[in-house]
């Protein structure tokens, strides 16, 4: 026997790391990095909002009181979910409205980012990427997820981030592989749709329609096609039913202000109307527009989750242009957040020269 130790790695030694252990280690480090990013981003937003809300205590209390009394004009009066939650927290926990709102936004922002990351991580492009490419894709995802937050501050609508949370959670239920029984998935989808409908009923209706379209197009989700159709029908039905209930039963006297037309299409197309709606609209949508151009020009592949996200955005855009002011980008901010994983993957595929021929597990057409 030789007196010198063997240079061959021992199966049980520290040097005997297997590829599986290395993959687990990389996944742990990535999850830790994402957790730090989410905590830093959402906590920073909370501190900014908490500082701003200290000076608007009385006006925010008046806003909650007017909502609960049912004296506001439509459609703001129908967005009763957050005032109910803030009033509940004030009664049972003594947290004032100007304290509870930043806290609600903080929790919803953090959870929404985590759900968007799970959608991003579950795609074929990310799962199959080598470590260097995966790191680049993760960086693009972080950047794409930061852009929409810039459009929140000019309008300061309290339902924006809770809507982002509900939207991301509902899409995750559809596109993510899960061992949760389908009945429980339907219950979660119903509760999320109900909560969202009490803040903005148009969102679950549009999402449900998009899910039904994706089921009709036979997009290969991990769930059976019939389950996808049921989830879409559930979202759209609950959103529409809640809107009708609020409009016809709870607040039948709520009317639109004479200065607020129900249809804004002509105002949006008026180039002399200030603010200039079209330049603001195009600036907000620029990342999404660039992504669509790259997708068509370079024949980039789409995962099933990307197809659903693009269908959701394309279905909602006409409703926004027709019914809301294009300059009020906060209307579309939840959908910009939802598109962050898709934008990151399309930009990453372009930068890393990953065309459709490099992705056998995905298909090119949006069908």
Protein backbone atom coordinates (compact mmCIF):
# COMPACT_ATOMS: atom_id res chain seq x y z
CA UNK A 1 0.00 0.00 0.00
CA UNK A 2 1.22 3.45 -0.78
CA UNK A 3 2.05 5.76 2.06
CA UNK A 4 0.57 8.71 0.22
CA UNK A 5 -3.18 9.43 0.26
CA UNK A 6 -5.16 8.78 -2.86
CA UNK A 7 -6.03 11.74 -5.05
CA UNK A 8 -9.30 10.16 -6.14
CA UNK A 9 -12.26 11.89 -4.49
CA UNK A 10 -14.07 9.86 -1.89
CA UNK A 11 -17.76 9.15 -2.50
CA UNK A 12 -18.55 10.31 1.00
CA UNK A 13 -15.94 13.04 1.38
CA UNK A 14 -16.33 16.76 1.11
CA UNK A 15 -14.93 16.67 -2.39
CA UNK A 16 -17.54 14.19 -3.56
CA UNK A 17 -20.20 16.73 -4.47
CA UNK A 18 -22.67 15.41 -7.00
CA UNK A 19 -24.38 17.49 -9.70
CA UNK A 20 -27.65 17.10 -7.79
CA UNK A 21 -26.12 18.60 -4.65
CA UNK A 22 -24.66 21.43 -6.70
CA UNK A 23 -28.06 22.14 -8.26
CA UNK A 24 -29.68 22.20 -4.82
CA UNK A 25 -27.00 24.60 -3.60
CA UNK A 26 -27.54 26.92 -6.59
CA UNK A 27 -31.30 26.81 -6.08
CA UNK A 28 -30.85 27.70 -2.41
CA UNK A 29 -28.57 30.63 -3.21
CA UNK A 30 -30.98 31.87 -5.87
CA UNK A 31 -33.95 31.63 -3.49
CA UNK A 32 -31.98 33.51 -0.84
CA UNK A 33 -31.07 36.25 -3.33
CA UNK A 34 -34.69 36.58 -4.44
CA UNK A 35 -35.89 36.73 -0.83
CA UNK A 36 -33.42 39.53 -0.07
CA UNK A 37 -34.49 41.41 -3.21
CA UNK A 38 -38.18 41.07 -2.38
CA UNK A 39 -37.68 42.11 1.24
CA UNK A 40 -35.50 45.09 0.32
CA UNK A 41 -37.84 46.29 -2.43
CA UNK A 42 -41.11 45.88 -0.53
CA UNK A 43 -39.69 47.24 2.75
CA UNK A 44 -38.31 50.30 0.96
CA UNK A 45 -41.72 50.92 -0.59
CA UNK A 46 -43.36 50.52 2.82
CA UNK A 47 -41.05 53.06 4.47
CA UNK A 48 -41.63 55.57 1.65
CA UNK A 49 -45.40 55.13 1.84
CA UNK A 50 -45.48 55.20 5.63
CA UNK A 51 -43.61 58.49 5.65
CA UNK A 52 -45.91 59.98 3.01
CA UNK A 53 -49.06 58.78 4.78
CA UNK A 54 -48.19 60.55 8.03
CA UNK A 55 -49.36 63.84 6.53
CA UNK A 56 -52.61 62.57 4.97
CA UNK A 57 -54.23 61.01 8.03
CA UNK A 58 -57.40 63.12 8.05
CA UNK A 59 -58.04 63.00 4.30
CA UNK A 60 -57.54 59.21 4.25
CA UNK A 61 -59.97 58.81 7.16
CA UNK A 62 -62.50 60.93 5.26
CA UNK A 63 -62.00 58.76 2.17
CA UNK A 64 -62.72 55.58 4.17
CA UNK A 65 -65.76 57.17 5.83
CA UNK A 66 -67.21 58.33 2.49
CA UNK A 67 -66.72 54.90 0.96
CA UNK A 68 -68.44 53.15 3.85
CA UNK A 69 -71.32 55.63 3.80
CA UNK A 70 -71.94 54.95 0.10
CA UNK A 71 -71.95 58.60 -0.93
CA UNK A 72 -69.14 58.57 -3.50
CA UNK A 73 -69.73 58.62 -7.22
CA UNK A 74 -69.38 55.62 -9.49
CA UNK A 75 -67.18 53.76 -10.24
CA UNK A 76 -65.08 54.60 -7.15
CA UNK A 77 -67.94 53.66 -4.84
CA UNK A 78 -67.88 50.07 -6.08
CA UNK A 79 -64.24 49.64 -4.98
CA UNK A 80 -65.20 48.97 -1.39
CA UNK A 81 -62.81 46.13 -0.52
CA UNK A 82 -59.87 48.11 0.86
CA UNK A 83 -61.96 50.57 2.92
CA UNK A 84 -63.72 47.60 4.54
CA UNK A 85 -60.37 45.97 5.39
CA UNK A 86 -58.86 49.21 6.70
CA UNK A 87 -61.94 49.87 8.86
CA UNK A 88 -61.79 46.30 10.21
CA UNK A 89 -58.12 46.72 11.15
CA UNK A 90 -58.81 50.06 12.83
CA UNK A 91 -61.67 48.62 14.91
CA UNK A 92 -59.98 45.39 15.98
CA UNK A 93 -56.28 46.32 16.09
CA UNK A 94 -56.34 50.10 16.61
CA UNK A 95 -54.16 50.57 13.52
CA UNK A 96 -55.13 53.86 11.90
CA UNK A 97 -55.95 54.08 8.20
CA UNK A 98 -52.73 55.92 7.35
CA UNK A 99 -50.81 53.06 9.01
CA UNK A 100 -52.78 50.09 7.72
CA UNK A 101 -52.68 51.13 4.06
CA UNK A 102 -48.83 51.10 3.79
CA UNK A 103 -48.85 47.76 5.65
CA UNK A 104 -51.39 46.24 3.25
CA UNK A 105 -49.42 47.52 0.27
CA UNK A 106 -46.19 46.12 1.72
CA UNK A 107 -47.63 42.63 2.19
CA UNK A 108 -49.32 42.60 -1.23
CA UNK A 109 -46.19 43.88 -2.98
CA UNK A 110 -43.95 41.27 -1.35
CA UNK A 111 -46.34 38.38 -2.07
CA UNK A 112 -46.91 39.56 -5.64
CA UNK A 113 -43.17 39.62 -6.34
CA UNK A 114 -42.80 36.11 -4.89
CA UNK A 115 -45.67 34.79 -7.02
CA UNK A 116 -44.22 36.44 -10.13
CA UNK A 117 -40.87 34.82 -9.36
CA UNK A 118 -42.54 31.40 -9.07
CA UNK A 119 -44.16 31.96 -12.47
CA UNK A 120 -40.78 32.99 -13.86
CA UNK A 121 -38.88 30.09 -12.29
CA UNK A 122 -41.35 27.46 -13.47
CA UNK A 123 -40.84 28.19 -17.18
CA UNK A 124 -38.93 25.81 -19.46
CA UNK A 125 -36.48 28.51 -20.54
CA UNK A 126 -35.40 29.23 -16.97
CA UNK A 127 -35.33 25.59 -15.86
CA UNK A 128 -33.16 24.55 -18.82
CA UNK A 129 -30.78 27.53 -18.68
CA UNK A 130 -27.15 27.07 -17.70
CA UNK A 131 -26.15 28.93 -14.48
CA UNK A 132 -24.71 31.97 -16.28
CA UNK A 133 -27.78 32.38 -18.49
CA UNK A 134 -30.10 31.82 -15.53
CA UNK A 135 -28.31 34.57 -13.61
CA UNK A 136 -28.77 36.93 -16.57
CA UNK A 137 -32.47 36.04 -16.82
CA UNK A 138 -32.89 36.63 -13.09
CA UNK A 139 -31.30 40.07 -13.41
CA UNK A 140 -33.67 40.95 -16.26
CA UNK A 141 -36.61 39.78 -14.17
CA UNK A 142 -35.53 42.01 -11.27
CA UNK A 143 -35.28 44.97 -13.65
CA UNK A 144 -38.63 44.30 -15.37
CA UNK A 145 -40.36 43.97 -12.00
CA UNK A 146 -39.11 47.41 -10.93
CA UNK A 147 -40.35 49.41 -13.90
CA UNK A 148 -44.12 49.38 -13.07
CA UNK A 149 -43.61 50.75 -9.56
CA UNK A 150 -42.62 54.10 -11.07
CA UNK A 151 -46.17 54.56 -12.35
CA UNK A 152 -47.81 54.09 -8.94
CA UNK A 153 -46.74 57.32 -7.28
CA UNK A 154 -48.33 59.92 -9.63
CA UNK A 155 -51.89 58.69 -8.93
CA UNK A 156 -51.60 56.94 -5.56
CA UNK A 157 -54.49 54.51 -5.98
CA UNK A 158 -54.58 52.18 -2.95
CA UNK A 159 -55.96 49.19 -4.87
CA UNK A 160 -53.05 48.93 -7.34
CA UNK A 161 -50.73 46.61 -5.41
CA UNK A 162 -53.52 44.46 -3.92
CA UNK A 163 -54.76 44.00 -7.49
CA UNK A 164 -51.26 42.99 -8.54
CA UNK A 165 -51.21 40.39 -5.76
CA UNK A 166 -54.59 38.88 -6.71
CA UNK A 167 -53.74 38.86 -10.42
CA UNK A 168 -50.37 37.15 -9.89
CA UNK A 169 -51.88 34.59 -7.50
CA UNK A 170 -54.68 33.69 -9.92
CA UNK A 171 -52.31 33.26 -12.85
CA UNK A 172 -50.00 31.14 -10.68
CA UNK A 173 -52.92 28.82 -9.86
CA UNK A 174 -53.45 28.25 -13.57
CA UNK A 175 -49.88 27.82 -14.84
CA UNK A 176 -48.10 26.21 -11.89
CA UNK A 177 -47.84 22.46 -11.36
CA UNK A 178 -49.35 21.60 -7.99
CA UNK A 179 -50.50 18.65 -5.90
CA UNK A 180 -53.31 20.71 -4.38
CA UNK A 181 -56.70 19.08 -5.09
CA UNK A 182 -58.60 20.85 -7.84
CA UNK A 183 -61.50 21.61 -5.50
CA UNK A 184 -59.13 23.55 -3.25
CA UNK A 185 -57.70 25.35 -6.29
CA UNK A 186 -61.24 26.38 -7.28
CA UNK A 187 -61.91 27.61 -3.74
CA UNK A 188 -58.71 29.69 -3.76
CA UNK A 189 -59.56 31.08 -7.20
CA UNK A 190 -63.06 31.99 -6.01
CA UNK A 191 -61.78 33.77 -2.89
CA UNK A 192 -59.13 35.67 -4.86
CA UNK A 193 -61.67 36.66 -7.53
CA UNK A 194 -64.11 37.83 -4.85
CA UNK A 195 -61.44 39.90 -3.11
CA UNK A 196 -60.34 41.38 -6.43
CA UNK A 197 -63.90 42.12 -7.54
CA UNK A 198 -64.43 44.18 -4.39
CA UNK A 199 -61.47 46.35 -5.46
CA UNK A 200 -61.72 46.29 -9.28
CA UNK A 201 -64.28 43.95 -10.80
CA UNK A 202 -62.98 44.43 -14.35
CA UNK A 203 -59.79 42.50 -13.56
CA UNK A 204 -61.30 39.06 -12.75
CA UNK A 205 -63.70 39.40 -15.68
CA UNK A 206 -60.88 40.08 -18.13
CA UNK A 207 -58.65 37.42 -16.57
CA UNK A 208 -61.45 34.87 -16.75
CA UNK A 209 -62.08 35.70 -20.41
CA UNK A 210 -58.35 35.35 -21.16
CA UNK A 211 -58.19 31.97 -19.38
CA UNK A 212 -61.21 30.77 -21.39
CA UNK A 213 -59.51 31.91 -24.60
CA UNK A 214 -56.35 30.03 -23.62
CA UNK A 215 -58.42 26.90 -22.97
CA UNK A 216 -60.06 27.25 -26.37
CA UNK A 217 -56.62 27.61 -27.97
CA UNK A 218 -55.48 24.42 -26.18
CA UNK A 219 -52.39 26.05 -24.68
CA UNK A 220 -50.55 23.18 -22.94
CA UNK A 221 -50.89 24.04 -19.24
CA UNK A 222 -50.07 21.41 -16.61
CA UNK A 223 -53.77 21.14 -15.78
CA UNK A 224 -56.43 19.46 -17.95
CA UNK A 225 -58.13 21.70 -20.46
CA UNK A 226 -61.49 21.32 -18.69
CA UNK A 227 -59.96 22.50 -15.41
CA UNK A 228 -58.56 25.59 -17.12
CA UNK A 229 -61.98 26.40 -18.57
CA UNK A 230 -63.62 25.97 -15.15
CA UNK A 231 -61.13 28.36 -13.54
CA UNK A 232 -61.69 30.94 -16.27
CA UNK A 233 -65.47 30.67 -15.95
CA UNK A 234 -65.21 30.96 -12.17
CA UNK A 235 -63.14 34.16 -12.31
CA UNK A 236 -65.33 35.86 -14.92
CA UNK A 237 -68.60 34.87 -13.26
CA UNK A 238 -67.60 36.03 -9.79
CA UNK A 239 -66.23 39.32 -11.12
CA UNK A 240 -69.38 40.05 -13.10
CA UNK A 241 -71.76 38.94 -10.33
CA UNK A 242 -70.05 41.08 -7.69
CA UNK A 243 -70.16 44.13 -9.94
CA UNK A 244 -73.87 43.65 -10.62
CA UNK A 245 -74.57 43.10 -6.92
CA UNK A 246 -72.74 46.27 -5.89
CA UNK A 247 -74.23 48.32 -8.71
CA UNK A 248 -77.85 47.15 -8.49
CA UNK A 249 -78.33 46.11 -4.87
CA UNK A 250 -75.81 47.71 -2.50
CA UNK A 251 -75.24 51.10 -4.18
CA UNK A 252 -78.11 51.62 -6.64
CA UNK A 253 -77.95 55.41 -6.22
CA UNK A 254 -74.26 55.74 -7.10
CA UNK A 255 -73.96 57.63 -10.38
CA UNK A 256 -71.12 58.75 -12.58
CA UNK A 257 -69.96 62.35 -12.24
CA UNK A 258 -71.13 64.63 -15.08
CA UNK A 259 -67.48 65.41 -15.79
CA UNK A 260 -66.52 61.73 -16.04
CA UNK A 261 -67.85 60.09 -19.21
CA UNK A 262 -68.16 56.30 -19.21
CA UNK A 263 -66.35 56.05 -22.54
CA UNK A 264 -63.03 57.82 -22.89
CA UNK A 265 -62.00 56.73 -26.38
CA UNK A 266 -62.52 60.12 -28.06
CA UNK A 267 -60.68 61.89 -25.23
CA UNK A 268 -57.78 59.48 -25.55
CA UNK A 269 -57.50 60.12 -29.28
CA UNK A 270 -57.69 63.92 -28.90
CA UNK A 271 -54.13 65.19 -29.51
CA UNK A 272 -55.03 68.62 -28.10
CA UNK A 273 -56.32 67.27 -24.79
CA UNK A 274 -53.96 67.61 -21.82
CA UNK A 275 -52.34 65.51 -20.56
CA UNK A 276 -51.20 64.02 -23.83
CA UNK A 277 -52.59 60.51 -23.45
CA UNK A 278 -50.90 58.76 -26.36
CA UNK A 279 -47.24 59.62 -25.50
CA UNK A 280 -47.78 58.58 -21.87
CA UNK A 281 -49.56 55.42 -22.98
CA UNK A 282 -46.75 54.44 -25.37
CA UNK A 283 -44.06 55.18 -22.79
CA UNK A 284 -45.72 52.95 -20.20
CA UNK A 285 -46.14 50.12 -22.70
CA UNK A 286 -42.67 50.46 -24.24
CA UNK A 287 -41.14 47.38 -22.52
CA UNK A 288 -44.11 45.26 -23.57
CA UNK A 289 -44.09 46.66 -27.12
CA UNK A 290 -40.35 45.98 -27.48
CA UNK A 291 -40.92 42.44 -26.20
CA UNK A 292 -43.62 41.79 -28.79
CA UNK A 293 -41.40 43.17 -31.57
CA UNK A 294 -38.53 40.91 -30.49
CA UNK A 295 -40.89 37.95 -30.29
CA UNK A 296 -42.14 38.37 -33.86
CA UNK A 297 -38.94 39.58 -35.52
CA UNK A 298 -36.61 36.95 -34.02
CA UNK A 299 -39.09 34.09 -33.74
CA UNK A 300 -38.60 33.70 -30.01
CA UNK A 301 -40.38 30.90 -28.21
CA UNK A 302 -43.15 31.35 -25.66
CA UNK A 303 -43.88 29.19 -22.64
CA UNK A 304 -47.56 28.46 -21.83
CA UNK A 305 -47.44 30.99 -18.98
CA UNK A 306 -46.13 33.66 -21.37
CA UNK A 307 -48.97 33.00 -23.79
CA UNK A 308 -51.58 33.41 -21.05
CA UNK A 309 -49.96 36.63 -19.81
CA UNK A 310 -49.90 38.13 -23.31
CA UNK A 311 -53.53 37.14 -23.89
CA UNK A 312 -54.51 38.80 -20.60
CA UNK A 313 -52.69 42.02 -21.54
CA UNK A 314 -54.04 42.09 -25.09
CA UNK A 315 -57.61 41.48 -23.89
CA UNK A 316 -57.40 44.26 -21.29
CA UNK A 317 -55.80 46.89 -23.52
CA UNK A 318 -58.95 47.64 -25.59
CA UNK A 319 -61.00 47.95 -22.40
CA UNK A 320 -58.48 50.41 -20.97
CA UNK A 321 -58.38 52.53 -24.14
CA UNK A 322 -62.17 52.61 -24.46
CA UNK A 323 -63.22 53.02 -20.82
CA UNK A 324 -60.30 54.71 -19.04
CA UNK A 325 -57.86 57.53 -19.67
CA UNK A 326 -54.67 56.26 -21.29
CA UNK A 327 -52.68 58.78 -19.27
CA UNK A 328 -53.77 57.03 -16.06
CA UNK A 329 -51.19 54.27 -16.31
CA UNK A 330 -52.03 53.05 -12.80
CA UNK A 331 -54.97 51.23 -14.45
CA UNK A 332 -52.55 48.96 -16.30
CA UNK A 333 -49.79 48.75 -13.66
CA UNK A 334 -50.92 45.32 -12.31
CA UNK A 335 -50.68 43.94 -15.85
CA UNK A 336 -47.23 45.45 -16.32
CA UNK A 337 -46.15 43.61 -13.18
CA UNK A 338 -47.72 40.41 -14.50
CA UNK A 339 -45.79 40.79 -17.76
CA UNK A 340 -42.41 41.15 -15.98
CA UNK A 341 -41.47 37.42 -16.22
CA UNK A 342 -42.45 37.31 -19.90
CA UNK A 343 -40.54 40.52 -20.70
CA UNK A 344 -37.44 39.19 -18.91
CA UNK A 345 -37.53 35.86 -20.76
CA UNK A 346 -38.07 37.41 -24.19
CA UNK A 347 -35.29 39.96 -23.70
CA UNK A 348 -33.07 37.22 -22.33
CA UNK A 349 -33.75 34.94 -25.29
CA UNK A 350 -32.86 37.81 -27.64
CA UNK A 351 -29.64 38.74 -25.82
CA UNK A 352 -28.55 35.11 -25.43
CA UNK A 353 -29.44 34.23 -29.05
CA UNK A 354 -32.04 31.65 -28.07
CA UNK A 355 -34.41 31.37 -30.99
CA UNK A 356 -37.30 28.99 -31.40
CA UNK A 357 -35.02 26.29 -32.79
CA UNK A 358 -33.14 26.21 -29.46
CA UNK A 359 -36.27 25.51 -27.43
CA UNK A 360 -37.83 22.15 -28.30
CA UNK A 361 -40.16 22.30 -25.32
CA UNK A 362 -41.91 25.48 -26.44
CA UNK A 363 -43.82 26.59 -29.47
CA UNK A 364 -43.67 29.81 -31.42
CA UNK A 365 -47.22 30.73 -32.39
CA UNK A 366 -49.53 32.35 -29.87
CA UNK A 367 -52.00 29.56 -30.26
